[in-house]
N, C-alpha and C. Protein backbone atom coordinates (compact mmCIF):
# COMPACT_ATOMS: atom_id res chain seq x y z
N MET A 1 155.52 178.69 155.66
CA MET A 1 157.15 178.43 156.00
C MET A 1 157.44 177.90 156.85
N THR A 2 158.61 176.88 156.79
CA THR A 2 159.15 176.28 157.65
C THR A 2 160.70 176.41 157.85
N GLU A 3 161.45 176.06 159.04
CA GLU A 3 163.19 176.60 158.53
C GLU A 3 163.32 175.35 157.81
N ASN A 4 162.86 174.41 157.53
CA ASN A 4 163.19 173.28 156.65
C ASN A 4 162.47 173.11 155.33
N THR A 5 162.09 173.90 154.68
CA THR A 5 161.32 173.83 153.54
C THR A 5 161.92 173.18 152.20
N HIS A 6 161.52 172.53 151.76
CA HIS A 6 161.92 172.06 150.41
C HIS A 6 160.73 172.10 149.04
N ALA A 7 161.45 171.87 147.93
CA ALA A 7 160.93 172.47 146.57
C ALA A 7 161.25 171.38 145.61
N ALA A 8 160.72 171.34 144.55
CA ALA A 8 160.74 170.28 143.73
C ALA A 8 160.46 171.05 142.49
N TYR A 9 160.76 170.99 140.85
CA TYR A 9 160.27 171.63 139.64
C TYR A 9 160.85 170.65 138.81
N PRO A 10 160.72 170.38 137.55
CA PRO A 10 161.10 169.64 136.51
C PRO A 10 162.22 169.69 136.02
N ILE A 11 162.86 168.71 135.57
CA ILE A 11 164.64 169.17 135.61
C ILE A 11 164.70 169.77 133.94
N GLU A 12 163.60 169.86 133.63
CA GLU A 12 163.45 170.97 132.04
C GLU A 12 163.74 172.25 131.90
N TYR A 13 163.20 172.86 133.47
CA TYR A 13 163.60 174.48 133.87
C TYR A 13 164.91 174.75 134.33
N ILE A 14 165.79 174.07 134.02
CA ILE A 14 167.11 174.21 133.88
C ILE A 14 167.46 173.96 132.73
N PRO A 15 168.17 175.41 131.98
CA PRO A 15 168.43 175.50 130.72
C PRO A 15 169.62 174.76 130.93
N ASN A 16 170.70 174.64 131.50
CA ASN A 16 171.67 173.70 130.89
C ASN A 16 171.84 172.54 131.42
N ALA A 17 170.78 171.66 131.61
CA ALA A 17 170.97 170.07 132.22
C ALA A 17 170.95 169.39 131.21
N LYS A 18 171.93 168.16 131.14
CA LYS A 18 171.93 167.80 130.58
C LYS A 18 170.87 166.15 130.66
N ILE A 19 170.30 165.78 129.82
CA ILE A 19 168.89 165.03 129.68
C ILE A 19 169.20 163.88 128.73
N PRO A 20 168.50 162.69 128.92
CA PRO A 20 168.16 161.98 130.45
C PRO A 20 169.70 162.16 131.30
N CYS A 21 169.24 162.75 132.50
CA CYS A 21 170.08 162.70 133.70
C CYS A 21 170.43 161.63 134.45
N VAL A 22 171.35 160.86 133.44
CA VAL A 22 171.80 159.49 133.88
C VAL A 22 173.19 159.60 133.74
N GLY A 23 174.30 159.68 134.69
CA GLY A 23 175.79 159.19 135.10
C GLY A 23 176.07 157.94 135.18
N PRO A 24 177.68 157.77 135.21
CA PRO A 24 178.46 156.52 135.36
C PRO A 24 177.94 155.93 136.81
N HIS A 25 178.40 154.95 137.09
CA HIS A 25 178.25 154.65 138.83
C HIS A 25 179.65 155.55 139.33
N PRO A 26 178.96 156.11 140.35
CA PRO A 26 179.89 157.08 141.18
C PRO A 26 180.99 156.36 141.80
N LYS A 27 182.36 157.02 141.71
CA LYS A 27 183.64 156.44 142.71
C LYS A 27 183.63 157.23 143.67
N ASN A 28 182.82 158.25 144.61
CA ASN A 28 183.41 158.51 145.46
C ASN A 28 180.95 158.55 146.16
N VAL A 29 181.13 158.04 146.98
CA VAL A 29 179.88 158.29 148.03
C VAL A 29 179.95 159.42 149.09
N ILE A 30 179.29 160.08 148.69
CA ILE A 30 180.04 161.48 149.65
C ILE A 30 178.42 161.42 150.52
N LEU A 31 178.22 161.10 152.06
CA LEU A 31 176.93 161.39 153.16
C LEU A 31 177.84 162.78 153.40
N LEU A 32 176.83 163.41 153.46
CA LEU A 32 176.85 164.88 154.08
C LEU A 32 175.84 164.68 155.71
N ALA A 33 176.59 165.18 156.46
CA ALA A 33 176.24 165.37 158.09
C ALA A 33 176.46 166.34 158.38
N CYS A 34 175.49 167.43 159.39
CA CYS A 34 175.51 168.59 160.28
C CYS A 34 176.02 167.98 161.74
N ASP A 35 176.96 168.32 162.11
CA ASP A 35 176.89 167.70 163.11
C ASP A 35 176.76 168.97 164.40
N ALA A 36 175.61 169.06 164.72
CA ALA A 36 175.32 170.60 166.08
C ALA A 36 175.95 170.28 167.10
N PHE A 37 176.88 169.33 167.41
CA PHE A 37 177.33 168.90 168.70
C PHE A 37 178.62 169.44 168.98
N GLY A 38 179.28 169.77 167.39
CA GLY A 38 180.41 170.16 167.01
C GLY A 38 181.94 169.11 167.40
N VAL A 39 181.25 167.87 167.25
CA VAL A 39 182.19 167.04 167.76
C VAL A 39 182.42 165.97 166.65
N LEU A 40 181.64 165.16 166.48
CA LEU A 40 181.35 164.48 165.20
C LEU A 40 180.05 164.32 164.47
N PRO A 41 180.24 163.85 163.28
CA PRO A 41 178.98 163.97 162.33
C PRO A 41 177.86 162.35 163.24
N PRO A 42 176.71 162.70 162.82
CA PRO A 42 175.92 163.84 161.85
C PRO A 42 175.00 164.52 163.30
N VAL A 43 173.87 164.91 163.08
CA VAL A 43 172.91 165.04 163.95
C VAL A 43 172.34 167.03 163.93
N ALA A 44 171.39 167.23 163.55
CA ALA A 44 171.09 168.68 163.87
C ALA A 44 169.49 168.50 163.79
N GLY A 45 169.01 169.82 164.73
CA GLY A 45 167.16 169.82 164.64
C GLY A 45 167.19 171.03 163.89
N THR A 46 166.17 170.42 162.91
CA THR A 46 166.03 171.78 161.63
C THR A 46 164.65 172.03 161.34
N GLU A 47 163.61 171.65 162.63
CA GLU A 47 162.32 171.76 162.47
C GLU A 47 162.22 173.32 163.37
N ASP A 48 160.93 173.77 163.30
CA ASP A 48 161.17 174.86 163.97
C ASP A 48 160.53 174.66 165.47
N GLY A 49 161.27 175.93 166.07
CA GLY A 49 161.08 175.66 167.38
C GLY A 49 162.25 175.51 168.30
N ILE A 50 163.16 174.27 167.46
CA ILE A 50 164.46 173.63 168.04
C ILE A 50 165.56 174.55 167.88
N LYS A 51 166.18 174.94 169.22
CA LYS A 51 166.85 175.71 169.06
C LYS A 51 168.18 175.48 169.91
N GLU A 52 168.08 174.49 170.25
CA GLU A 52 169.52 173.61 170.82
C GLU A 52 169.11 172.34 169.99
N PRO A 53 170.51 171.88 170.19
CA PRO A 53 171.10 170.19 169.44
C PRO A 53 170.31 169.52 169.63
N GLN A 54 169.56 168.72 169.35
CA GLN A 54 169.06 167.10 169.32
C GLN A 54 169.54 166.17 168.34
N ALA A 55 169.55 165.10 168.99
CA ALA A 55 170.33 164.02 168.11
C ALA A 55 169.44 163.38 167.38
N THR A 56 169.80 163.48 166.00
CA THR A 56 168.34 162.79 164.88
C THR A 56 169.02 162.31 164.46
N PHE A 57 168.78 160.64 164.40
CA PHE A 57 168.92 159.45 163.70
C PHE A 57 167.97 158.80 162.58
N SER A 58 168.23 158.99 161.52
CA SER A 58 167.25 158.73 160.39
C SER A 58 167.89 157.46 159.55
N ALA A 59 167.73 156.42 159.85
CA ALA A 59 168.32 155.04 159.14
C ALA A 59 168.51 155.40 157.56
N CYS A 60 169.82 155.06 156.74
CA CYS A 60 169.77 155.30 155.50
C CYS A 60 169.29 156.80 154.71
N PHE A 61 169.51 157.97 155.68
CA PHE A 61 168.95 159.13 155.43
C PHE A 61 167.49 159.38 155.00
N GLY A 62 166.81 158.66 155.42
CA GLY A 62 165.64 158.54 154.84
C GLY A 62 164.29 157.64 155.69
N ALA A 63 164.56 157.34 157.12
CA ALA A 63 164.02 156.27 157.46
C ALA A 63 162.46 156.16 157.46
N ALA A 64 161.89 157.46 157.47
CA ALA A 64 160.02 157.65 157.21
C ALA A 64 159.91 156.94 155.81
N PHE A 65 161.15 156.63 155.07
CA PHE A 65 160.16 156.03 153.60
C PHE A 65 160.91 155.10 153.21
N ILE A 66 161.23 154.43 153.53
CA ILE A 66 162.29 152.99 153.74
C ILE A 66 161.02 152.06 153.83
N MET A 67 160.86 151.29 153.37
CA MET A 67 160.22 149.56 153.19
C MET A 67 160.44 148.65 154.03
N LEU A 68 161.75 148.17 153.93
CA LEU A 68 163.14 147.15 154.56
C LEU A 68 163.45 147.59 155.33
N HIS A 69 164.14 146.65 156.22
CA HIS A 69 164.88 146.74 157.04
C HIS A 69 166.09 147.55 156.85
N PRO A 70 167.03 148.63 157.83
CA PRO A 70 167.67 149.36 157.00
C PRO A 70 169.04 148.74 156.89
N THR A 71 169.16 147.66 157.52
CA THR A 71 170.43 146.34 157.19
C THR A 71 170.52 145.65 155.88
N LYS A 72 169.00 145.65 155.02
CA LYS A 72 169.01 145.50 154.38
C LYS A 72 169.26 146.26 152.74
N TYR A 73 168.81 147.30 153.23
CA TYR A 73 169.97 148.28 152.25
C TYR A 73 171.23 148.72 152.59
N ALA A 74 171.67 148.61 153.43
CA ALA A 74 173.00 149.05 153.96
C ALA A 74 173.72 147.52 153.14
N ALA A 75 173.41 146.41 153.05
CA ALA A 75 174.10 145.09 152.42
C ALA A 75 173.77 145.64 151.11
N MET A 76 173.04 146.26 150.25
CA MET A 76 172.57 146.71 148.94
C MET A 76 173.66 147.99 148.52
N LEU A 77 173.67 148.93 149.43
CA LEU A 77 174.97 149.78 149.38
C LEU A 77 176.67 149.51 149.06
N ALA A 78 176.29 148.56 150.44
CA ALA A 78 177.98 147.87 150.07
C ALA A 78 178.67 147.03 149.17
N ALA A 79 177.22 146.20 148.61
CA ALA A 79 177.70 145.49 147.42
C ALA A 79 178.11 146.03 146.27
N LYS A 80 177.22 147.42 145.99
CA LYS A 80 177.32 148.05 144.42
C LYS A 80 178.69 148.78 144.74
N MET A 81 179.05 149.54 146.02
CA MET A 81 180.01 149.97 146.62
C MET A 81 181.04 149.07 145.36
N GLN A 82 181.30 148.23 146.63
CA GLN A 82 182.27 146.87 146.40
C GLN A 82 182.22 146.68 144.81
N LYS A 83 181.00 146.21 144.27
CA LYS A 83 181.12 146.12 142.64
C LYS A 83 181.66 146.93 141.86
N HIS A 84 181.87 148.27 142.32
CA HIS A 84 182.02 149.56 141.47
C HIS A 84 183.61 150.01 141.68
N GLY A 85 183.96 149.56 142.83
CA GLY A 85 185.66 150.43 143.56
C GLY A 85 184.78 151.61 144.06
N ALA A 86 183.31 151.89 144.78
CA ALA A 86 183.28 153.72 145.07
C ALA A 86 183.74 153.36 146.67
N THR A 87 184.28 154.58 146.80
CA THR A 87 184.92 154.98 148.11
C THR A 87 184.15 156.14 149.07
N GLY A 88 183.59 155.54 150.48
CA GLY A 88 182.78 156.22 150.86
C GLY A 88 183.48 157.43 151.78
N TRP A 89 182.53 158.31 152.09
CA TRP A 89 183.03 159.89 152.13
C TRP A 89 182.08 160.26 153.20
N LEU A 90 182.45 160.57 154.80
CA LEU A 90 181.27 161.17 155.43
C LEU A 90 181.87 162.73 155.58
N VAL A 91 181.12 163.73 155.36
CA VAL A 91 181.58 164.97 155.30
C VAL A 91 180.79 165.48 155.99
N ASN A 92 181.22 166.13 157.13
CA ASN A 92 180.69 167.58 158.14
C ASN A 92 180.55 168.70 157.88
N THR A 93 179.35 169.17 157.57
CA THR A 93 178.83 170.91 157.23
C THR A 93 178.75 170.81 158.45
N GLY A 94 178.72 170.76 159.47
CA GLY A 94 178.16 171.17 160.95
C GLY A 94 179.18 172.26 161.44
N TRP A 95 179.10 172.39 162.90
CA TRP A 95 179.99 173.11 163.75
C TRP A 95 180.96 172.44 164.25
N SER A 96 181.93 173.81 164.23
CA SER A 96 183.07 173.69 164.92
C SER A 96 183.78 174.90 165.94
N GLY A 97 184.77 174.06 167.10
CA GLY A 97 185.03 174.51 168.00
C GLY A 97 183.93 174.92 169.33
N GLY A 98 182.61 174.13 168.81
CA GLY A 98 182.07 174.18 169.97
C GLY A 98 180.92 173.65 169.52
N ARG A 99 179.55 173.29 170.43
CA ARG A 99 178.18 173.10 169.85
C ARG A 99 177.59 174.41 169.66
N TYR A 100 176.44 174.47 168.86
CA TYR A 100 175.48 174.72 168.98
C TYR A 100 175.67 176.06 169.17
N GLY A 101 175.53 177.23 168.93
CA GLY A 101 175.40 178.27 170.38
C GLY A 101 176.57 178.32 170.80
N SER A 102 177.93 177.91 170.34
CA SER A 102 179.07 178.33 171.15
C SER A 102 180.08 178.65 169.82
N GLY A 103 179.94 177.44 169.11
CA GLY A 103 180.79 177.07 167.96
C GLY A 103 180.43 178.03 167.08
N SER A 104 180.97 177.55 166.05
CA SER A 104 180.66 178.67 164.40
C SER A 104 180.49 177.63 163.10
N ARG A 105 179.90 177.43 162.25
CA ARG A 105 179.67 176.69 161.27
C ARG A 105 181.03 176.98 160.54
N ILE A 106 181.43 175.36 160.08
CA ILE A 106 182.31 175.07 159.21
C ILE A 106 182.53 175.88 157.77
N LYS A 107 183.04 176.81 157.47
CA LYS A 107 183.46 177.44 156.18
C LYS A 107 182.89 176.70 155.29
N LEU A 108 181.56 177.22 154.43
CA LEU A 108 181.51 176.76 153.36
C LEU A 108 182.75 176.27 152.15
N ALA A 109 183.41 177.31 152.18
CA ALA A 109 184.68 177.39 151.43
C ALA A 109 185.48 175.99 151.56
N TYR A 110 185.86 175.87 153.01
CA TYR A 110 186.78 174.58 153.36
C TYR A 110 185.61 173.49 152.83
N THR A 111 184.01 173.27 152.63
CA THR A 111 183.51 172.17 152.70
C THR A 111 183.66 171.68 151.20
N ARG A 112 183.96 173.07 150.42
CA ARG A 112 184.05 172.84 148.93
C ARG A 112 185.68 172.38 148.38
N LYS A 113 186.29 172.67 149.06
CA LYS A 113 188.14 172.10 148.87
C LYS A 113 187.92 170.55 149.16
N ILE A 114 187.10 170.44 150.36
CA ILE A 114 187.26 168.98 150.91
C ILE A 114 186.53 167.85 149.59
N ILE A 115 185.72 168.63 149.30
CA ILE A 115 184.42 167.86 148.05
C ILE A 115 185.47 167.65 146.72
N ASP A 116 186.25 168.82 146.53
CA ASP A 116 187.36 168.87 145.39
C ASP A 116 188.25 167.89 145.66
N ALA A 117 188.99 167.69 146.64
CA ALA A 117 189.70 167.06 146.98
C ALA A 117 189.04 165.12 147.02
N ILE A 118 188.13 165.26 147.37
CA ILE A 118 187.24 163.95 147.09
C ILE A 118 187.61 163.17 145.66
N HIS A 119 187.03 164.40 145.31
CA HIS A 119 186.83 164.15 143.44
C HIS A 119 187.98 164.26 142.64
N SER A 120 189.13 164.88 142.86
CA SER A 120 190.30 164.78 142.64
C SER A 120 191.29 163.85 142.42
N GLY A 121 190.64 162.99 143.54
CA GLY A 121 191.28 161.77 143.87
C GLY A 121 192.64 162.02 144.65
N SER A 122 192.54 163.33 145.08
CA SER A 122 193.96 164.01 146.19
C SER A 122 194.10 163.12 147.56
N LEU A 123 192.67 163.25 147.88
CA LEU A 123 192.31 162.84 149.65
C LEU A 123 192.87 161.10 149.44
N LEU A 124 192.80 160.43 148.64
CA LEU A 124 193.48 158.66 148.40
C LEU A 124 194.80 158.98 148.62
N LYS A 125 195.54 160.12 148.53
CA LYS A 125 197.12 159.70 148.24
C LYS A 125 197.63 160.80 149.64
N VAL A 126 196.58 161.04 150.66
CA VAL A 126 197.28 161.53 152.05
C VAL A 126 197.02 160.61 153.53
N ASN A 127 197.99 160.91 154.03
CA ASN A 127 197.98 160.11 155.55
C ASN A 127 196.82 160.21 156.45
N TYR A 128 196.28 159.05 157.20
CA TYR A 128 194.91 159.27 157.70
C TYR A 128 195.32 158.96 159.01
N ARG A 129 194.61 159.10 160.43
CA ARG A 129 194.75 158.65 161.63
C ARG A 129 192.98 158.52 162.05
N SER A 130 193.31 158.07 163.11
CA SER A 130 192.05 157.38 163.55
C SER A 130 191.87 158.25 164.96
N THR A 131 190.04 158.49 164.95
CA THR A 131 189.66 159.57 165.88
C THR A 131 188.91 158.94 166.76
N GLU A 132 189.30 159.11 168.21
CA GLU A 132 189.19 158.35 169.58
C GLU A 132 187.47 158.17 169.44
N VAL A 133 186.84 157.21 170.02
CA VAL A 133 185.68 156.93 170.53
C VAL A 133 184.31 156.53 168.93
N PHE A 134 184.77 157.19 168.38
CA PHE A 134 183.96 156.63 167.10
C PHE A 134 185.11 156.01 165.79
N GLY A 135 186.42 156.37 166.07
CA GLY A 135 186.87 155.63 165.15
C GLY A 135 186.86 155.76 163.34
N LEU A 136 186.61 156.87 163.27
CA LEU A 136 186.77 157.98 162.00
C LEU A 136 188.30 157.90 161.45
N GLU A 137 188.27 157.57 160.98
CA GLU A 137 189.74 158.10 159.86
C GLU A 137 189.73 159.06 159.17
N ILE A 138 190.41 159.91 159.37
CA ILE A 138 190.37 161.65 159.34
C ILE A 138 191.90 162.07 158.28
N PRO A 139 191.85 162.56 157.50
CA PRO A 139 192.97 162.99 157.10
C PRO A 139 194.03 163.71 157.39
N THR A 140 195.28 164.10 157.73
CA THR A 140 196.00 164.99 158.02
C THR A 140 196.22 166.39 157.60
N GLU A 141 195.84 166.20 156.37
CA GLU A 141 196.02 167.20 155.62
C GLU A 141 194.86 167.26 154.05
N VAL A 142 194.54 168.59 154.28
CA VAL A 142 193.33 168.75 152.59
C VAL A 142 193.86 170.17 152.21
N GLU A 143 194.28 170.02 151.06
CA GLU A 143 194.75 171.15 150.18
C GLU A 143 193.88 172.75 150.65
N ALA A 144 194.51 173.63 151.06
CA ALA A 144 193.73 175.09 151.28
C ALA A 144 192.64 174.83 152.63
N VAL A 145 192.65 173.72 153.06
CA VAL A 145 191.99 173.80 154.34
C VAL A 145 192.99 173.93 155.41
N PRO A 146 192.79 174.69 156.91
CA PRO A 146 193.43 174.71 157.67
C PRO A 146 194.05 173.23 158.26
N SER A 147 194.93 172.42 158.82
CA SER A 147 195.01 171.52 159.24
C SER A 147 194.24 171.22 160.79
N GLU A 148 194.24 172.39 161.37
CA GLU A 148 193.78 172.15 162.79
C GLU A 148 192.42 172.08 162.96
N ILE A 149 191.66 172.12 161.96
CA ILE A 149 190.06 172.18 161.83
C ILE A 149 189.86 170.44 161.25
N LEU A 150 190.83 169.65 161.01
CA LEU A 150 190.48 168.42 160.65
C LEU A 150 190.49 168.18 161.82
N GLU A 151 190.66 167.78 162.74
CA GLU A 151 190.82 167.33 164.37
C GLU A 151 190.01 167.72 165.50
N PRO A 152 188.58 167.88 165.14
CA PRO A 152 187.62 168.60 166.12
C PRO A 152 188.14 169.13 167.54
N MET A 153 188.88 168.31 168.29
CA MET A 153 189.17 168.26 169.50
C MET A 153 190.22 169.75 169.12
N ASN A 154 190.75 169.96 168.42
CA ASN A 154 191.66 171.06 167.94
C ASN A 154 191.21 172.85 168.19
N THR A 155 189.64 172.57 167.74
CA THR A 155 189.23 173.62 167.99
C THR A 155 188.44 174.20 168.84
N TRP A 156 188.17 173.12 170.13
CA TRP A 156 187.39 173.60 171.30
C TRP A 156 188.52 174.16 172.12
N THR A 157 188.41 174.72 172.63
CA THR A 157 189.36 175.86 174.01
C THR A 157 188.89 174.94 175.45
N ASN A 158 187.69 174.46 175.36
CA ASN A 158 187.67 173.99 176.38
C ASN A 158 187.57 172.46 176.22
N LYS A 159 188.55 171.75 176.26
CA LYS A 159 188.65 169.83 175.98
C LYS A 159 188.21 169.30 177.29
N LYS A 160 187.32 169.80 178.50
CA LYS A 160 186.69 168.93 179.09
C LYS A 160 185.18 169.15 178.12
N ALA A 161 184.83 169.98 178.15
CA ALA A 161 183.45 170.36 177.73
C ALA A 161 183.60 169.27 176.16
N TYR A 162 184.68 169.36 175.29
CA TYR A 162 184.53 168.35 173.95
C TYR A 162 184.66 166.87 174.48
N LYS A 163 185.27 166.50 175.29
CA LYS A 163 185.18 164.80 176.21
C LYS A 163 183.99 164.89 176.05
N GLU A 164 182.71 165.59 177.04
CA GLU A 164 182.04 165.27 177.43
C GLU A 164 181.07 165.44 176.63
N THR A 165 180.94 166.27 175.39
CA THR A 165 179.91 166.16 174.47
C THR A 165 180.24 165.37 173.52
N LEU A 166 181.73 164.79 173.25
CA LEU A 166 182.03 163.39 172.26
C LEU A 166 181.33 162.47 173.19
N LEU A 167 181.25 162.15 174.19
CA LEU A 167 180.49 160.76 174.57
C LEU A 167 179.43 160.95 175.22
N ASN A 168 178.95 161.91 175.17
CA ASN A 168 176.95 162.26 175.37
C ASN A 168 176.90 161.91 173.84
N LEU A 169 177.29 162.12 173.05
CA LEU A 169 177.01 161.80 171.55
C LEU A 169 177.19 160.51 171.12
N ALA A 170 178.05 160.05 171.60
CA ALA A 170 178.52 158.33 171.27
C ALA A 170 177.75 157.38 171.82
N GLY A 171 176.75 158.04 173.15
CA GLY A 171 176.10 157.10 174.17
C GLY A 171 174.68 157.13 173.10
N LEU A 172 174.49 158.45 172.53
CA LEU A 172 173.77 158.39 171.76
C LEU A 172 173.22 157.88 170.32
N PHE A 173 174.46 157.61 169.73
CA PHE A 173 174.64 156.48 168.99
C PHE A 173 174.68 155.42 169.16
N LYS A 174 175.32 154.89 170.78
CA LYS A 174 175.37 153.43 170.68
C LYS A 174 173.90 153.06 170.87
N LYS A 175 172.67 153.82 172.10
CA LYS A 175 171.17 153.55 171.99
C LYS A 175 170.87 153.21 170.92
N ASN A 176 170.78 154.25 169.37
CA ASN A 176 170.28 154.24 168.21
C ASN A 176 170.56 152.47 168.04
N PHE A 177 172.21 152.26 167.79
CA PHE A 177 172.16 151.14 167.42
C PHE A 177 171.45 149.68 168.05
N GLU A 178 171.02 149.95 168.89
CA GLU A 178 170.47 149.03 169.74
C GLU A 178 169.38 147.97 168.78
N VAL A 179 168.75 149.19 167.92
CA VAL A 179 167.53 148.79 166.62
C VAL A 179 168.07 147.46 165.87
N PHE A 180 169.66 147.60 165.86
CA PHE A 180 170.04 146.96 164.98
C PHE A 180 170.51 145.27 165.59
N VAL A 181 170.33 145.18 166.84
CA VAL A 181 170.84 144.23 167.31
C VAL A 181 170.67 142.70 167.31
N ASN A 182 169.36 142.87 166.99
CA ASN A 182 168.68 141.24 166.37
C ASN A 182 168.32 140.87 165.18
N ARG A 183 168.68 141.92 164.49
CA ARG A 183 168.74 141.44 162.74
C ARG A 183 169.86 141.15 162.12
N LYS A 184 169.17 139.86 161.68
CA LYS A 184 169.82 139.09 160.35
C LYS A 184 169.63 139.28 159.09
N ILE A 185 170.43 139.22 157.96
CA ILE A 185 169.86 138.87 156.62
C ILE A 185 170.58 137.79 155.79
N GLY A 186 169.85 136.47 156.07
CA GLY A 186 170.10 135.41 156.01
C GLY A 186 170.74 134.73 156.90
N LYS A 187 170.92 133.10 156.90
CA LYS A 187 171.69 132.68 157.84
C LYS A 187 172.84 132.87 158.56
N ASP A 188 173.72 132.88 157.60
CA ASP A 188 175.38 133.25 158.11
C ASP A 188 175.66 134.51 157.66
N ASP A 189 174.68 135.60 157.66
CA ASP A 189 175.31 136.97 157.77
C ASP A 189 175.76 137.51 158.66
N ASN A 190 176.70 138.39 158.56
CA ASN A 190 177.34 138.98 159.81
C ASN A 190 177.37 140.63 159.73
N LEU A 191 176.89 140.61 159.00
CA LEU A 191 176.46 142.68 158.95
C LEU A 191 176.28 143.22 159.89
N THR A 192 175.19 142.77 160.64
CA THR A 192 174.51 143.65 161.60
C THR A 192 175.50 143.23 162.69
N GLU A 193 176.58 142.63 163.20
CA GLU A 193 177.46 142.48 163.80
C GLU A 193 178.86 143.37 163.38
N GLU A 194 179.09 143.58 162.06
CA GLU A 194 179.58 144.88 161.34
C GLU A 194 179.52 146.15 161.71
N ILE A 195 178.01 146.17 161.70
CA ILE A 195 177.22 147.59 162.38
C ILE A 195 178.18 148.13 163.29
N ILE A 196 177.18 146.77 164.18
CA ILE A 196 177.51 147.22 165.92
C ILE A 196 178.99 147.27 166.15
N ALA A 197 179.88 146.59 165.30
CA ALA A 197 181.60 147.31 165.82
C ALA A 197 182.01 148.23 165.19
N ALA A 198 180.80 148.90 164.12
CA ALA A 198 181.46 150.17 164.19
C ALA A 198 181.29 151.49 164.38
N GLY A 199 180.47 151.03 165.31
CA GLY A 199 179.84 152.33 166.20
C GLY A 199 180.93 152.76 167.35
N PRO A 200 180.52 153.87 168.27
CA PRO A 200 181.58 154.12 169.07
C PRO A 200 182.02 153.32 169.98
N ILE A 201 183.26 153.41 170.35
CA ILE A 201 183.79 152.47 171.46
C ILE A 201 184.45 153.70 172.58
N PHE A 202 183.91 153.41 173.44
CA PHE A 202 184.33 154.35 174.75
C PHE A 202 184.09 153.63 176.69
């Protein structure tokens, strides 16, 4: 057994499973991230022996299993989301108020309320503001979720440590993005430039 054990079993073992397990195209695409740095998504070490946060980047949430360059899958996902009108969301289930070891995990009850707000459509109707460095659009309010936790910096008592950790993580993202710099899909494709432009600015 490891700290990151997975298991699989036939869907028929679930008494109330709806078979065939096929639904309509999603209206929301939710990417879960566990930010062990307590500043922004994603990243956490989950293997045995890792007790301090280590940035882990996995293209397409499954780099070890993909056959084509990640930008190919990014283009496919973007096309399908645009075609079917899906909205993308990044939900952080990691730490708040500090990095692993000093902060605390975001409460599951809050994560559930955020997911509920996404599915009900209410998050599309609230105001948003952009975060510094990563430029993420975060809601100013979510029903039944304390507004102060929506802005990571508000949960840190040591603002200087927050800024240092934020810039450190941004640097790791920027370094990771370097693998995309020389990749093109077709002659006139600008997806690579869009990916780089969406990265942290500091």
